[in-house]
Protein backbone atom coordinates (compact mmCIF):
# COMPACT_ATOMS: atom_id res chain seq x y z
CA MET A 1 0.00 0.00 -0.01
CA ALA A 2 2.83 2.39 0.81
CA SER A 3 4.41 1.61 -2.53
CA ILE A 4 1.28 2.57 -4.47
CA SER A 5 0.88 5.83 -2.55
CA SER A 6 4.49 6.79 -3.18
CA VAL A 7 4.08 6.05 -6.91
CA LEU A 8 0.93 8.17 -6.94
CA VAL A 9 2.82 11.03 -5.19
CA ALA A 10 5.62 10.74 -7.71
CA ILE A 11 3.13 10.79 -10.62
CA THR A 12 1.34 13.82 -9.15
CA ALA A 13 4.66 15.65 -8.63
CA ALA A 14 5.77 14.82 -12.20
CA ALA A 15 2.44 16.04 -13.58
CA GLY A 16 2.70 19.24 -11.51
CA LEU A 17 6.24 19.87 -12.75
CA GLY A 18 5.13 19.18 -16.36
CA LEU A 19 2.26 21.67 -16.05
CA PHE A 20 4.60 24.25 -14.44
CA TYR A 21 7.07 23.77 -17.32
CA LEU A 22 4.35 24.16 -19.96
CA SER A 23 3.04 27.26 -18.22
CA GLN A 24 6.49 28.82 -18.09
CA SER A 25 7.42 27.98 -21.67
CA SER A 26 4.12 29.32 -23.03
CA HIS A 27 4.70 32.51 -20.99
CA VAL A 28 8.20 32.89 -22.43
CA ALA A 29 6.84 32.34 -25.97
CA ALA A 30 4.10 34.95 -25.45
CA THR A 31 6.67 37.39 -24.07
CA GLY A 32 8.87 36.74 -27.13
CA TYR A 33 5.95 37.52 -29.47
CA GLU A 34 5.26 40.70 -27.51
CA ILE A 35 8.89 41.75 -27.84
CA ASP A 36 8.87 41.09 -31.58
CA GLU A 37 5.66 43.15 -31.87
CA LEU A 38 7.15 46.02 -29.91
CA GLN A 39 10.34 45.96 -31.97
CA ALA A 40 8.30 46.15 -35.17
CA ARG A 41 6.34 49.05 -33.74
CA LEU A 42 9.55 50.81 -32.73
CA ALA A 43 10.96 50.40 -36.25
CA GLU A 44 7.72 51.82 -37.68
CA LEU A 45 7.82 54.80 -35.30
CA ARG A 46 11.50 55.48 -36.16
CA GLY A 47 10.51 55.58 -39.82
CA VAL A 48 7.71 58.06 -39.03
CA GLN A 49 10.17 60.13 -37.00
CA GLN A 50 12.61 60.24 -39.92
CA GLN A 51 9.79 61.28 -42.25
CA LEU A 52 8.80 64.06 -39.84
CA VAL A 53 12.39 65.29 -39.56
CA LEU A 54 12.55 65.42 -43.36
CA GLU A 55 9.29 67.38 -43.50
CA ILE A 56 10.58 69.80 -40.87
CA GLY A 57 13.76 70.35 -42.91
CA GLU A 58 11.71 70.99 -46.03
CA ALA A 59 9.39 73.36 -44.17
CA ARG A 60 12.36 75.41 -42.94
CA SER A 61 13.68 75.80 -46.49
CA PRO A 62 13.68 79.47 -47.55
CA ALA A 63 12.12 78.54 -50.90
CA VAL A 64 9.22 76.78 -49.21
CA ILE A 65 8.74 79.60 -46.73
CA GLU A 66 8.68 82.15 -49.58
CA ASP A 67 6.25 80.01 -51.61
CA ARG A 68 3.87 79.70 -48.65
CA ALA A 69 4.12 83.41 -47.92
CA ARG A 70 3.15 84.23 -51.50
CA LYS A 71 0.42 81.65 -51.96
CA LYS A 72 -1.21 81.39 -48.53
CA LEU A 73 -0.58 84.84 -47.09
CA HIS A 74 -0.59 86.72 -50.43
CA LEU A 75 2.62 88.55 -49.52
CA VAL A 76 4.79 90.14 -52.22
CA LEU A 77 8.43 91.00 -52.33
CA LEU A 78 9.30 94.59 -51.70
CA PRO A 79 11.41 96.36 -54.36
CA ASP A 80 15.01 96.73 -53.35
CA GLU A 81 14.82 100.55 -53.33
CA SER A 82 12.09 100.52 -50.70
CA VAL A 83 14.33 98.86 -48.15
CA THR A 84 16.91 101.06 -46.35
CA PHE A 85 19.24 100.11 -43.58
CA ALA A 86 20.36 102.29 -40.75
CA PRO A 87 24.04 103.17 -40.82
CA THR A 88 26.13 101.11 -38.49
CA ALA A 89 28.05 102.97 -35.85
CA THR A 90 31.71 102.09 -35.53
CA PRO A 91 32.61 101.29 -31.94
CA ALA A 92 35.16 103.66 -30.40
CA LEU A 93 38.51 102.04 -29.93
CA THR A 94 39.65 102.27 -26.38
CA GLU A 95 43.15 101.89 -25.07
CA PRO A 96 43.63 99.21 -22.43
CA THR A 97 44.15 100.72 -19.04
CA ASN A 98 47.01 99.68 -16.80
CA ASN A 99 46.05 99.33 -13.17
């Protein structure tokens, strides 16, 4: 009788360990799939980021700014003779003082 109960305990322990192993391996596999999914999403977002950086660079281009100013804001260039600049003052040269 003791022999049968010890065999049943051994079978139950083996079955428990088997279920634990299956549980852990399926959890590891699911985590691996999640990591792959997140890496793919990260690659996609990096591509979007690069596209946005390109668009920002294009939007900062003087030609694009001028085109938008003319088409959307209906601005026109001023003739060169209508723009005058104030004369620049030359800074006075000072001698270094000896203390």
